[in-house]
Amino acid sequence: MPHLDALYRELKDHGFDLLAVNHGDAVETIRKFAQEKGFALKMLLGGRPGAAGYGIFERYGVSAYPANYLLDAQGRVVWRRVGFEQNTLAELRAALAKLGVK
């Protein structure tokens, strides 16, 4: 996640926002983790299967973690990657460039 936080800090003033959705940890656990790591990106609680807040995972068909999605201004998925490999950040930057975010 440090690479995503760095990307968020770099692009947040250029029409880019980034949300990390956690899969069921307690709010305090998420808050402590973000504070200890010094993350600026927003972290949200998505819930566990069958619980309130789980709909975000169902909506985007999340089946493995981490799952990364890039949405355009209309909320459409324009890029998706399960896992985070060495070239994933380059792919994400290329998809952002297609949207005009540089």
C-alpha atoms as a PDB file:
ATOM      1  CA  MET A   1       0.000   0.000   0.000  1.00  0.00           C
ATOM      2  CA  PRO A   2       2.849   2.473   0.363  1.00  0.00           C
ATOM      3  CA  HIS A   3       3.060   2.682  -3.461  1.00  0.00           C
ATOM      4  CA  LEU A   4      -0.647   3.517  -3.675  1.00  0.00           C
ATOM      5  CA  ASP A   5      -0.372   6.111  -0.936  1.00  0.00           C
ATOM      6  CA  ALA A   6       2.558   7.702  -2.782  1.00  0.00           C
ATOM      7  CA  LEU A   7       0.510   7.756  -6.001  1.00  0.00           C
ATOM      8  CA  TYR A   8      -2.409   9.339  -4.147  1.00  0.00           C
ATOM      9  CA  ARG A   9      -0.188  12.053  -2.662  1.00  0.00           C
ATOM     10  CA  GLU A  10       1.286  12.757  -6.095  1.00  0.00           C
ATOM     11  CA  LEU A  11      -2.023  12.992  -7.973  1.00  0.00           C
ATOM     12  CA  LYS A  12      -4.637  14.076  -5.424  1.00  0.00           C
ATOM     13  CA  ASP A  13      -4.584  17.662  -6.695  1.00  0.00           C
ATOM     14  CA  HIS A  14      -5.003  16.525 -10.329  1.00  0.00           C
ATOM     15  CA  GLY A  15      -8.474  14.984 -10.284  1.00  0.00           C
ATOM     16  CA  PHE A  16      -7.441  11.689  -8.700  1.00  0.00           C
ATOM     17  CA  ASP A  17      -8.839  10.165  -5.533  1.00  0.00           C
ATOM     18  CA  LEU A  18      -8.002   6.835  -3.963  1.00  0.00           C
ATOM     19  CA  LEU A  19      -9.996   4.769  -1.506  1.00  0.00           C
ATOM     20  CA  ALA A  20      -8.815   1.627   0.221  1.00  0.00           C
ATOM     21  CA  VAL A  21     -11.716  -0.614   1.236  1.00  0.00           C
ATOM     22  CA  ASN A  22     -10.906  -3.030   4.032  1.00  0.00           C
ATOM     23  CA  HIS A  23     -12.516  -6.447   4.152  1.00  0.00           C
ATOM     24  CA  GLY A  24     -13.775  -6.636   7.694  1.00  0.00           C
ATOM     25  CA  ASP A  25     -11.141  -5.418  10.175  1.00  0.00           C
ATOM     26  CA  ALA A  26     -12.360  -3.341  13.092  1.00  0.00           C
ATOM     27  CA  VAL A  27     -12.473   0.430  12.591  1.00  0.00           C
ATOM     28  CA  GLU A  28      -9.877   0.975  15.305  1.00  0.00           C
ATOM     29  CA  THR A  29      -7.534  -1.566  13.692  1.00  0.00           C
ATOM     30  CA  ILE A  30      -7.789   0.259  10.359  1.00  0.00           C
ATOM     31  CA  ARG A  31      -7.304   3.653  12.007  1.00  0.00           C
ATOM     32  CA  LYS A  32      -4.238   2.471  13.926  1.00  0.00           C
ATOM     33  CA  PHE A  33      -2.695   0.873  10.821  1.00  0.00           C
ATOM     34  CA  ALA A  34      -3.184   4.034   8.727  1.00  0.00           C
ATOM     35  CA  GLN A  35      -1.777   6.230  11.482  1.00  0.00           C
ATOM     36  CA  GLU A  36       1.275   4.014  12.082  1.00  0.00           C
ATOM     37  CA  LYS A  37       2.061   3.931   8.354  1.00  0.00           C
ATOM     38  CA  GLY A  38       1.348   7.647   7.878  1.00  0.00           C
ATOM     39  CA  PHE A  39      -1.080   6.988   5.026  1.00  0.00           C
ATOM     40  CA  ALA A  40      -2.940   9.945   3.554  1.00  0.00           C
ATOM     41  CA  LEU A  41      -5.355   7.905   1.426  1.00  0.00           C
ATOM     42  CA  LYS A  42      -8.836   7.228   2.741  1.00  0.00           C
ATOM     43  CA  MET A  43      -9.513   3.811   4.260  1.00  0.00           C
ATOM     44  CA  LEU A  44     -13.059   2.518   4.457  1.00  0.00           C
ATOM     45  CA  LEU A  45     -14.648  -0.526   6.030  1.00  0.00           C
ATOM     46  CA  GLY A  46     -16.377  -2.840   3.559  1.00  0.00           C
ATOM     47  CA  GLY A  47     -17.656  -5.534   5.904  1.00  0.00           C
ATOM     48  CA  ARG A  48     -17.742  -9.310   5.776  1.00  0.00           C
ATOM     49  CA  PRO A  49     -20.002 -11.472   3.584  1.00  0.00           C
ATOM     50  CA  GLY A  50     -23.626 -11.043   4.598  1.00  0.00           C
ATOM     51  CA  ALA A  51     -22.869  -7.999   6.768  1.00  0.00           C
ATOM     52  CA  ALA A  52     -23.725  -4.369   6.150  1.00  0.00           C
ATOM     53  CA  GLY A  53     -21.134  -2.732   3.933  1.00  0.00           C
ATOM     54  CA  TYR A  54     -20.251  -5.905   2.032  1.00  0.00           C
ATOM     55  CA  GLY A  55     -22.116  -4.717  -1.070  1.00  0.00           C
ATOM     56  CA  ILE A  56     -19.073  -2.875  -2.425  1.00  0.00           C
ATOM     57  CA  PHE A  57     -17.269  -6.203  -2.828  1.00  0.00           C
ATOM     58  CA  GLU A  58     -20.279  -7.804  -4.495  1.00  0.00           C
ATOM     59  CA  ARG A  59     -20.808  -4.814  -6.804  1.00  0.00           C
ATOM     60  CA  TYR A  60     -17.299  -5.029  -8.219  1.00  0.00           C
ATOM     61  CA  GLY A  61     -16.986  -8.830  -8.113  1.00  0.00           C
ATOM     62  CA  VAL A  62     -14.045  -8.931  -5.724  1.00  0.00           C
ATOM     63  CA  SER A  63     -12.906 -12.524  -5.364  1.00  0.00           C
ATOM     64  CA  ALA A  64      -9.276 -12.131  -4.226  1.00  0.00           C
ATOM     65  CA  TYR A  65      -7.156  -9.569  -2.425  1.00  0.00           C
ATOM     66  CA  PRO A  66      -5.771  -7.128  -3.099  1.00  0.00           C
ATOM     67  CA  ALA A  67      -8.142  -6.155  -5.881  1.00  0.00           C
ATOM     68  CA  ASN A  68      -7.425  -2.827  -7.566  1.00  0.00           C
ATOM     69  CA  TYR A  69      -9.970  -0.914  -9.622  1.00  0.00           C
ATOM     70  CA  LEU A  70      -9.750   2.374 -11.479  1.00  0.00           C
ATOM     71  CA  LEU A  71     -13.086   4.097 -12.004  1.00  0.00           C
ATOM     72  CA  ASP A  72     -13.707   6.975 -14.347  1.00  0.00           C
ATOM     73  CA  ALA A  73     -15.694  10.080 -13.390  1.00  0.00           C
ATOM     74  CA  GLN A  74     -18.946   8.239 -14.172  1.00  0.00           C
ATOM     75  CA  GLY A  75     -18.079   5.344 -11.866  1.00  0.00           C
ATOM     76  CA  ARG A  76     -17.291   2.869 -14.650  1.00  0.00           C
ATOM     77  CA  VAL A  77     -14.451   0.400 -14.156  1.00  0.00           C
ATOM     78  CA  VAL A  78     -11.756   1.289 -16.707  1.00  0.00           C
ATOM     79  CA  TRP A  79      -8.932  -0.828 -15.276  1.00  0.00           C
ATOM     80  CA  ARG A  80      -8.784  -3.799 -12.902  1.00  0.00           C
ATOM     81  CA  ARG A  81      -5.995  -5.893 -11.433  1.00  0.00           C
ATOM     82  CA  VAL A  82      -6.118  -8.650  -8.829  1.00  0.00           C
ATOM     83  CA  GLY A  83      -2.902  -8.772  -6.834  1.00  0.00           C
ATOM     84  CA  PHE A  84      -0.086  -6.317  -7.080  1.00  0.00           C
ATOM     85  CA  GLU A  85       2.834  -7.295  -9.252  1.00  0.00           C
ATOM     86  CA  GLN A  86       5.922  -5.368 -10.248  1.00  0.00           C
ATOM     87  CA  ASN A  87       4.315  -3.906 -13.390  1.00  0.00           C
ATOM     88  CA  THR A  88       0.930  -3.114 -11.828  1.00  0.00           C
ATOM     89  CA  LEU A  89       1.808   0.464 -10.922  1.00  0.00           C
ATOM     90  CA  ALA A  90       3.006   1.118 -14.492  1.00  0.00           C
ATOM     91  CA  GLU A  91      -0.255  -0.315 -15.851  1.00  0.00           C
ATOM     92  CA  LEU A  92      -2.253   1.848 -13.454  1.00  0.00           C
ATOM     93  CA  ARG A  93      -0.319   4.964 -14.481  1.00  0.00           C
ATOM     94  CA  ALA A  94      -0.979   4.157 -18.150  1.00  0.00           C
ATOM     95  CA  ALA A  95      -4.711   3.773 -17.470  1.00  0.00           C
ATOM     96  CA  LEU A  96      -4.703   7.072 -15.544  1.00  0.00           C
ATOM     97  CA  ALA A  97      -2.931   8.791 -18.452  1.00  0.00           C
ATOM     98  CA  LYS A  98      -5.718   7.609 -20.798  1.00  0.00           C
ATOM     99  CA  LEU A  99      -8.141   9.412 -18.481  1.00  0.00           C
ATOM    100  CA  GLY A 100      -6.003  12.551 -18.588  1.00  0.00           C
ATOM    101  CA  VAL A 101      -4.602  12.205 -15.067  1.00  0.00           C
ATOM    102  CA  LYS A 102      -0.823  12.685 -15.141  1.00  0.00           C
END
